[in-house]
Amino acid sequence: MLAANMMNADFRRLSPSQTALDALDLCRAERAALLPVVGEGDRLIGVVSAYALVKEVLSNGRSPDAPEFMRNIDGLAVKKVGDIIEKGFLSVLPDAPAAQVAALFLDAAPGVETIFVLDNGARLLGVITLWDFFKRLSAYAEKA
């Protein structure tokens, strides 16, 4: 089994020009903690995490009072995804074997549950979540 067989090719993505509020809405709608951000040619340029969005709301590093908190949430409507993009993400080529995907999940920081499948030109082909991985392994085990 290869990464190409485990990936989900039907996923939502962000552009750097979208707002942080768009990212928040997409995180909620997709129940995703990590969203890909793509540039020209569908190349993966980074990710936006739910953590980064919460950090934006708590932008001063301390718990804000209620009015400040609401202003910070309103600020997500003008903050661009490109301003909060994170460059660290896990990726594999489509021909990566399942064992390599499993090793990436095991070596990842706690809470990292997404691996991006990229071609040699960094074009985003698909996403493998930990749950996608389990689903494919389970289906394979049932057939065996």
N, C-alpha and C. Protein backbone atom coordinates (compact mmCIF):
# COMPACT_ATOMS: atom_id res chain seq x y z
N MET A 1 0.85 -1.17 0.00
CA MET A 1 0.00 0.00 0.00
C MET A 1 0.90 1.24 0.00
N LEU A 2 0.52 2.20 -0.82
CA LEU A 2 1.30 3.44 -0.98
C LEU A 2 0.50 4.64 -0.47
N ALA A 3 1.21 5.73 -0.27
CA ALA A 3 0.57 6.97 0.17
C ALA A 3 -0.56 7.37 -0.78
N ALA A 4 -0.35 7.18 -2.07
CA ALA A 4 -1.38 7.53 -3.06
C ALA A 4 -2.67 6.75 -2.82
N ASN A 5 -2.57 5.53 -2.26
CA ASN A 5 -3.75 4.71 -1.98
C ASN A 5 -4.44 5.13 -0.68
N MET A 6 -3.73 5.83 0.18
CA MET A 6 -4.26 6.22 1.48
C MET A 6 -4.77 7.65 1.51
N MET A 7 -4.31 8.46 0.56
CA MET A 7 -4.62 9.89 0.63
C MET A 7 -6.06 10.19 0.24
N ASN A 8 -6.52 11.29 0.75
CA ASN A 8 -7.81 11.85 0.38
C ASN A 8 -7.52 12.98 -0.59
N ALA A 9 -7.98 12.84 -1.82
CA ALA A 9 -7.73 13.87 -2.83
C ALA A 9 -8.84 14.92 -2.86
N ASP A 10 -9.88 14.71 -2.08
CA ASP A 10 -11.01 15.65 -2.01
C ASP A 10 -10.94 16.40 -0.68
N PHE A 11 -10.24 17.51 -0.68
CA PHE A 11 -10.04 18.28 0.55
C PHE A 11 -10.06 19.76 0.22
N ARG A 12 -10.27 20.56 1.22
CA ARG A 12 -10.31 22.01 1.05
C ARG A 12 -8.94 22.58 1.33
N ARG A 13 -8.66 23.68 0.72
CA ARG A 13 -7.37 24.36 0.89
C ARG A 13 -7.58 25.86 0.95
N LEU A 14 -6.58 26.55 1.42
CA LEU A 14 -6.62 28.00 1.54
C LEU A 14 -5.58 28.62 0.62
N SER A 15 -5.79 29.88 0.30
CA SER A 15 -4.76 30.66 -0.40
C SER A 15 -4.23 31.69 0.59
N PRO A 16 -3.01 32.18 0.38
CA PRO A 16 -2.44 33.16 1.31
C PRO A 16 -3.24 34.46 1.40
N SER A 17 -4.04 34.76 0.38
CA SER A 17 -4.81 36.01 0.38
C SER A 17 -6.13 35.91 1.13
N GLN A 18 -6.55 34.70 1.50
CA GLN A 18 -7.78 34.57 2.27
C GLN A 18 -7.54 35.07 3.68
N THR A 19 -8.65 35.32 4.40
CA THR A 19 -8.52 35.86 5.75
C THR A 19 -8.40 34.74 6.78
N ALA A 20 -7.90 35.12 7.94
CA ALA A 20 -7.82 34.18 9.06
C ALA A 20 -9.22 33.73 9.46
N LEU A 21 -10.21 34.60 9.26
CA LEU A 21 -11.59 34.22 9.55
C LEU A 21 -12.05 33.12 8.59
N ASP A 22 -11.65 33.21 7.32
CA ASP A 22 -11.93 32.12 6.37
C ASP A 22 -11.32 30.82 6.87
N ALA A 23 -10.10 30.90 7.37
CA ALA A 23 -9.42 29.71 7.90
C ALA A 23 -10.17 29.15 9.10
N LEU A 24 -10.60 30.04 9.99
CA LEU A 24 -11.37 29.60 11.16
C LEU A 24 -12.66 28.90 10.74
N ASP A 25 -13.37 29.48 9.78
CA ASP A 25 -14.61 28.89 9.29
C ASP A 25 -14.34 27.52 8.66
N LEU A 26 -13.25 27.41 7.93
CA LEU A 26 -12.92 26.14 7.28
C LEU A 26 -12.50 25.08 8.30
N CYS A 27 -11.74 25.48 9.31
CA CYS A 27 -11.39 24.55 10.39
C CYS A 27 -12.65 23.99 11.03
N ARG A 28 -13.61 24.85 11.29
CA ARG A 28 -14.86 24.43 11.91
C ARG A 28 -15.64 23.51 10.98
N ALA A 29 -15.81 23.93 9.72
CA ALA A 29 -16.62 23.17 8.77
C ALA A 29 -16.02 21.79 8.49
N GLU A 30 -14.72 21.74 8.40
CA GLU A 30 -14.04 20.48 8.06
C GLU A 30 -13.62 19.69 9.30
N ARG A 31 -13.79 20.31 10.47
CA ARG A 31 -13.31 19.70 11.72
C ARG A 31 -11.84 19.32 11.58
N ALA A 32 -11.09 20.26 11.04
CA ALA A 32 -9.67 20.06 10.76
C ALA A 32 -8.84 20.98 11.64
N ALA A 33 -7.78 20.46 12.18
CA ALA A 33 -6.88 21.26 13.01
C ALA A 33 -5.71 21.81 12.20
N LEU A 34 -5.58 21.37 10.95
CA LEU A 34 -4.47 21.79 10.11
C LEU A 34 -4.96 21.89 8.67
N LEU A 35 -4.78 23.06 8.07
CA LEU A 35 -5.25 23.29 6.71
C LEU A 35 -4.09 23.66 5.79
N PRO A 36 -4.08 23.09 4.58
CA PRO A 36 -3.01 23.44 3.64
C PRO A 36 -3.23 24.81 3.02
N VAL A 37 -2.12 25.51 2.79
CA VAL A 37 -2.15 26.80 2.10
C VAL A 37 -1.35 26.61 0.82
N VAL A 38 -2.01 26.86 -0.31
CA VAL A 38 -1.36 26.64 -1.60
C VAL A 38 -1.19 27.96 -2.34
N GLY A 39 -0.11 27.99 -3.10
CA GLY A 39 0.18 29.15 -3.94
C GLY A 39 -0.02 28.79 -5.40
N GLU A 40 0.73 29.46 -6.27
CA GLU A 40 0.62 29.22 -7.71
C GLU A 40 0.89 27.76 -8.04
N GLY A 41 0.15 27.25 -9.00
CA GLY A 41 0.35 25.89 -9.45
C GLY A 41 -0.01 24.85 -8.41
N ASP A 42 -0.82 25.22 -7.44
CA ASP A 42 -1.27 24.32 -6.38
C ASP A 42 -0.10 23.79 -5.54
N ARG A 43 0.97 24.58 -5.44
CA ARG A 43 2.13 24.18 -4.63
C ARG A 43 1.86 24.50 -3.16
N LEU A 44 2.15 23.54 -2.32
CA LEU A 44 1.97 23.72 -0.88
C LEU A 44 3.05 24.66 -0.36
N ILE A 45 2.62 25.79 0.19
CA ILE A 45 3.58 26.76 0.69
C ILE A 45 3.60 26.82 2.22
N GLY A 46 2.63 26.17 2.85
CA GLY A 46 2.59 26.15 4.31
C GLY A 46 1.24 25.66 4.78
N VAL A 47 1.02 25.82 6.07
CA VAL A 47 -0.22 25.38 6.69
C VAL A 47 -0.71 26.44 7.67
N VAL A 48 -1.99 26.38 7.97
CA VAL A 48 -2.55 27.17 9.05
C VAL A 48 -3.15 26.17 10.02
N SER A 49 -2.78 26.32 11.27
CA SER A 49 -3.28 25.40 12.30
C SER A 49 -4.33 26.09 13.16
N ALA A 50 -5.16 25.28 13.76
CA ALA A 50 -6.14 25.81 14.72
C ALA A 50 -5.39 26.51 15.85
N TYR A 51 -4.24 25.98 16.22
CA TYR A 51 -3.41 26.59 17.26
C TYR A 51 -3.01 28.02 16.87
N ALA A 52 -2.60 28.20 15.62
CA ALA A 52 -2.20 29.54 15.16
C ALA A 52 -3.37 30.51 15.21
N LEU A 53 -4.57 30.01 14.92
CA LEU A 53 -5.76 30.88 14.97
C LEU A 53 -6.08 31.29 16.40
N VAL A 54 -5.97 30.35 17.33
CA VAL A 54 -6.20 30.69 18.74
C VAL A 54 -5.13 31.67 19.20
N LYS A 55 -3.90 31.47 18.77
CA LYS A 55 -2.80 32.37 19.12
C LYS A 55 -3.08 33.79 18.62
N GLU A 56 -3.68 33.91 17.44
CA GLU A 56 -4.03 35.23 16.90
C GLU A 56 -5.07 35.92 17.79
N VAL A 57 -6.02 35.16 18.29
CA VAL A 57 -7.05 35.75 19.15
C VAL A 57 -6.44 36.17 20.48
N LEU A 58 -5.43 35.43 20.94
CA LEU A 58 -4.72 35.79 22.17
C LEU A 58 -3.39 36.43 21.80
N SER A 59 -3.43 37.38 20.89
CA SER A 59 -2.23 37.94 20.27
C SER A 59 -1.24 38.59 21.23
N ASN A 60 -1.69 39.00 22.37
CA ASN A 60 -0.75 39.65 23.29
C ASN A 60 -0.12 38.66 24.27
N GLY A 61 -0.43 37.37 24.13
CA GLY A 61 0.20 36.36 24.97
C GLY A 61 -0.42 36.19 26.35
N ARG A 62 -1.47 36.91 26.63
CA ARG A 62 -2.14 36.74 27.92
C ARG A 62 -3.63 36.68 27.66
N SER A 63 -4.37 36.27 28.65
CA SER A 63 -5.82 36.19 28.49
C SER A 63 -6.39 37.60 28.42
N PRO A 64 -7.01 37.95 27.31
CA PRO A 64 -7.58 39.29 27.19
C PRO A 64 -8.91 39.40 27.93
N ASP A 65 -9.28 40.64 28.24
CA ASP A 65 -10.62 40.83 28.81
C ASP A 65 -11.64 40.64 27.67
N ALA A 66 -12.91 40.57 28.03
CA ALA A 66 -13.95 40.24 27.05
C ALA A 66 -13.98 41.18 25.83
N PRO A 67 -13.94 42.52 26.03
CA PRO A 67 -13.97 43.40 24.84
C PRO A 67 -12.74 43.21 23.95
N GLU A 68 -11.57 43.06 24.57
CA GLU A 68 -10.36 42.87 23.77
C GLU A 68 -10.43 41.54 23.02
N PHE A 69 -10.93 40.51 23.68
CA PHE A 69 -11.08 39.20 23.06
C PHE A 69 -11.95 39.30 21.81
N MET A 70 -13.07 40.00 21.92
CA MET A 70 -13.99 40.15 20.79
C MET A 70 -13.34 40.97 19.66
N ARG A 71 -12.56 42.00 20.01
CA ARG A 71 -11.85 42.78 18.98
C ARG A 71 -10.85 41.89 18.26
N ASN A 72 -10.17 41.02 19.01
CA ASN A 72 -9.19 40.12 18.40
C ASN A 72 -9.88 39.14 17.45
N ILE A 73 -11.05 38.66 17.83
CA ILE A 73 -11.80 37.78 16.94
C ILE A 73 -12.21 38.55 15.68
N ASP A 74 -12.70 39.77 15.85
CA ASP A 74 -13.06 40.60 14.70
C ASP A 74 -11.85 40.85 13.81
N GLY A 75 -10.67 40.92 14.41
CA GLY A 75 -9.44 41.14 13.64
C GLY A 75 -9.10 40.00 12.69
N LEU A 76 -9.67 38.82 12.94
CA LEU A 76 -9.43 37.69 12.04
C LEU A 76 -10.00 37.95 10.65
N ALA A 77 -10.97 38.85 10.57
CA ALA A 77 -11.59 39.16 9.28
C ALA A 77 -10.67 39.98 8.38
N VAL A 78 -9.65 40.61 8.95
CA VAL A 78 -8.73 41.40 8.13
C VAL A 78 -7.33 40.81 8.06
N LYS A 79 -6.99 39.95 9.00
CA LYS A 79 -5.68 39.29 9.00
C LYS A 79 -5.63 38.27 7.87
N LYS A 80 -4.57 38.29 7.08
CA LYS A 80 -4.44 37.37 5.95
C LYS A 80 -3.79 36.06 6.38
N VAL A 81 -4.23 34.98 5.75
CA VAL A 81 -3.65 33.66 6.00
C VAL A 81 -2.13 33.70 5.79
N GLY A 82 -1.70 34.43 4.77
CA GLY A 82 -0.26 34.55 4.49
C GLY A 82 0.53 35.13 5.65
N ASP A 83 -0.14 35.86 6.55
CA ASP A 83 0.54 36.47 7.70
C ASP A 83 0.70 35.49 8.87
N ILE A 84 -0.06 34.41 8.86
CA ILE A 84 0.01 33.47 9.99
C ILE A 84 0.41 32.06 9.53
N ILE A 85 0.84 31.96 8.29
CA ILE A 85 1.22 30.67 7.72
C ILE A 85 2.40 30.06 8.49
N GLU A 86 2.36 28.77 8.63
CA GLU A 86 3.44 28.02 9.27
C GLU A 86 4.12 27.18 8.20
N LYS A 87 5.44 27.13 8.23
CA LYS A 87 6.19 26.41 7.19
C LYS A 87 6.45 24.96 7.55
N GLY A 88 6.27 24.58 8.80
CA GLY A 88 6.55 23.21 9.22
C GLY A 88 5.36 22.30 8.99
N PHE A 89 5.53 21.28 8.18
CA PHE A 89 4.49 20.28 7.94
C PHE A 89 5.15 18.99 7.48
N LEU A 90 4.42 17.90 7.61
CA LEU A 90 4.91 16.59 7.18
C LEU A 90 4.42 16.31 5.77
N SER A 91 5.30 15.73 4.95
CA SER A 91 4.90 15.40 3.59
C SER A 91 5.60 14.15 3.11
N VAL A 92 4.97 13.50 2.14
CA VAL A 92 5.54 12.33 1.48
C VAL A 92 5.22 12.42 0.00
N LEU A 93 5.95 11.63 -0.78
CA LEU A 93 5.65 11.48 -2.20
C LEU A 93 4.54 10.44 -2.34
N PRO A 94 3.81 10.44 -3.44
CA PRO A 94 2.70 9.49 -3.60
C PRO A 94 3.13 8.03 -3.59
N ASP A 95 4.38 7.76 -3.93
CA ASP A 95 4.85 6.36 -3.95
C ASP A 95 5.49 5.92 -2.63
N ALA A 96 5.34 6.72 -1.59
CA ALA A 96 5.86 6.35 -0.27
C ALA A 96 5.08 5.15 0.26
N PRO A 97 5.78 4.14 0.77
CA PRO A 97 5.06 2.98 1.31
C PRO A 97 4.36 3.29 2.63
N ALA A 98 3.36 2.48 2.94
CA ALA A 98 2.58 2.66 4.17
C ALA A 98 3.47 2.69 5.41
N ALA A 99 4.53 1.90 5.41
CA ALA A 99 5.44 1.88 6.56
C ALA A 99 6.09 3.24 6.78
N GLN A 100 6.42 3.94 5.70
CA GLN A 100 7.01 5.28 5.83
C GLN A 100 5.99 6.26 6.38
N VAL A 101 4.75 6.17 5.93
CA VAL A 101 3.68 7.03 6.44
C VAL A 101 3.50 6.77 7.94
N ALA A 102 3.46 5.49 8.33
CA ALA A 102 3.30 5.14 9.74
C ALA A 102 4.45 5.70 10.57
N ALA A 103 5.67 5.59 10.05
CA ALA A 103 6.84 6.11 10.78
C ALA A 103 6.75 7.62 10.97
N LEU A 104 6.25 8.33 9.95
CA LEU A 104 6.09 9.78 10.08
C LEU A 104 5.10 10.12 11.19
N PHE A 105 3.99 9.41 11.23
CA PHE A 105 3.01 9.65 12.29
C PHE A 105 3.62 9.37 13.66
N LEU A 106 4.39 8.30 13.77
CA LEU A 106 5.00 7.95 15.06
C LEU A 106 6.04 8.97 15.51
N ASP A 107 6.78 9.52 14.55
CA ASP A 107 7.85 10.48 14.87
C ASP A 107 7.36 11.91 15.01
N ALA A 108 6.11 12.15 14.63
CA ALA A 108 5.56 13.52 14.65
C ALA A 108 5.37 14.00 16.09
N ALA A 109 5.33 15.30 16.22
CA ALA A 109 5.04 15.91 17.52
C ALA A 109 3.63 15.50 17.95
N PRO A 110 3.39 15.44 19.25
CA PRO A 110 2.05 15.11 19.72
C PRO A 110 1.00 16.04 19.11
N GLY A 111 -0.10 15.47 18.68
CA GLY A 111 -1.17 16.25 18.10
C GLY A 111 -1.08 16.42 16.59
N VAL A 112 0.05 16.07 15.98
CA VAL A 112 0.17 16.17 14.52
C VAL A 112 -0.48 14.94 13.91
N GLU A 113 -1.55 15.17 13.17
CA GLU A 113 -2.33 14.06 12.63
C GLU A 113 -2.57 14.20 11.13
N THR A 114 -1.72 14.96 10.44
CA THR A 114 -1.90 15.18 9.00
C THR A 114 -0.57 15.12 8.28
N ILE A 115 -0.56 14.37 7.18
CA ILE A 115 0.60 14.30 6.29
C ILE A 115 0.10 14.69 4.90
N PHE A 116 0.84 15.55 4.24
CA PHE A 116 0.47 16.01 2.91
C PHE A 116 1.23 15.20 1.86
N VAL A 117 0.53 14.84 0.80
CA VAL A 117 1.13 14.09 -0.30
C VAL A 117 1.43 15.08 -1.41
N LEU A 118 2.72 15.18 -1.74
CA LEU A 118 3.19 16.15 -2.74
C LEU A 118 3.91 15.43 -3.87
N ASP A 119 3.84 16.01 -5.07
CA ASP A 119 4.67 15.48 -6.15
C ASP A 119 6.06 16.10 -6.04
N ASN A 120 6.94 15.78 -6.95
CA ASN A 120 8.33 16.28 -6.89
C ASN A 120 8.42 17.80 -7.02
N GLY A 121 7.38 18.43 -7.54
CA GLY A 121 7.37 19.88 -7.68
C GLY A 121 6.65 20.58 -6.54
N ALA A 122 6.40 19.87 -5.44
CA ALA A 122 5.71 20.39 -4.25
C ALA A 122 4.24 20.70 -4.50
N ARG A 123 3.67 20.15 -5.59
CA ARG A 123 2.25 20.32 -5.87
C ARG A 123 1.46 19.40 -4.95
N LEU A 124 0.46 19.95 -4.29
CA LEU A 124 -0.35 19.21 -3.34
C LEU A 124 -1.31 18.27 -4.06
N LEU A 125 -1.15 16.97 -3.80
CA LEU A 125 -1.98 15.96 -4.44
C LEU A 125 -3.07 15.43 -3.52
N GLY A 126 -2.77 15.38 -2.23
CA GLY A 126 -3.72 14.82 -1.30
C GLY A 126 -3.29 15.00 0.14
N VAL A 127 -4.15 14.53 1.03
CA VAL A 127 -3.94 14.65 2.46
C VAL A 127 -4.18 13.28 3.08
N ILE A 128 -3.31 12.90 4.02
CA ILE A 128 -3.52 11.68 4.79
C ILE A 128 -3.64 12.09 6.25
N THR A 129 -4.82 11.93 6.81
CA THR A 129 -4.97 12.15 8.24
C THR A 129 -4.73 10.82 8.94
N LEU A 130 -4.52 10.89 10.22
CA LEU A 130 -4.35 9.66 10.98
C LEU A 130 -5.56 8.75 10.81
N TRP A 131 -6.74 9.36 10.72
CA TRP A 131 -7.97 8.58 10.55
C TRP A 131 -8.05 7.97 9.16
N ASP A 132 -7.58 8.68 8.12
CA ASP A 132 -7.51 8.09 6.78
C ASP A 132 -6.61 6.87 6.80
N PHE A 133 -5.49 7.00 7.49
CA PHE A 133 -4.51 5.92 7.60
C PHE A 133 -5.15 4.69 8.25
N PHE A 134 -5.84 4.91 9.38
CA PHE A 134 -6.50 3.80 10.08
C PHE A 134 -7.58 3.16 9.19
N LYS A 135 -8.33 3.98 8.50
CA LYS A 135 -9.40 3.48 7.63
C LYS A 135 -8.83 2.57 6.55
N ARG A 136 -7.75 2.98 5.91
CA ARG A 136 -7.14 2.18 4.83
C ARG A 136 -6.53 0.89 5.39
N LEU A 137 -5.89 0.99 6.55
CA LEU A 137 -5.32 -0.22 7.16
C LEU A 137 -6.41 -1.19 7.55
N SER A 138 -7.49 -0.70 8.09
CA SER A 138 -8.61 -1.54 8.50
C SER A 138 -9.22 -2.24 7.29
N ALA A 139 -9.44 -1.49 6.20
CA ALA A 139 -10.00 -2.07 4.98
C ALA A 139 -9.07 -3.13 4.41
N TYR A 140 -7.76 -2.86 4.46
CA TYR A 140 -6.78 -3.84 3.97
C TYR A 140 -6.82 -5.10 4.83
N ALA A 141 -6.89 -4.93 6.14
CA ALA A 141 -6.92 -6.09 7.06
C ALA A 141 -8.18 -6.93 6.85
N GLU A 142 -9.30 -6.28 6.57
CA GLU A 142 -10.55 -7.02 6.33
C GLU A 142 -10.46 -7.87 5.08
N LYS A 143 -9.76 -7.37 4.06
CA LYS A 143 -9.61 -8.12 2.81
C LYS A 143 -8.64 -9.29 2.96
N ALA A 144 -7.65 -9.12 3.84
CA ALA A 144 -6.60 -10.14 3.98
C ALA A 144 -7.08 -11.39 4.69
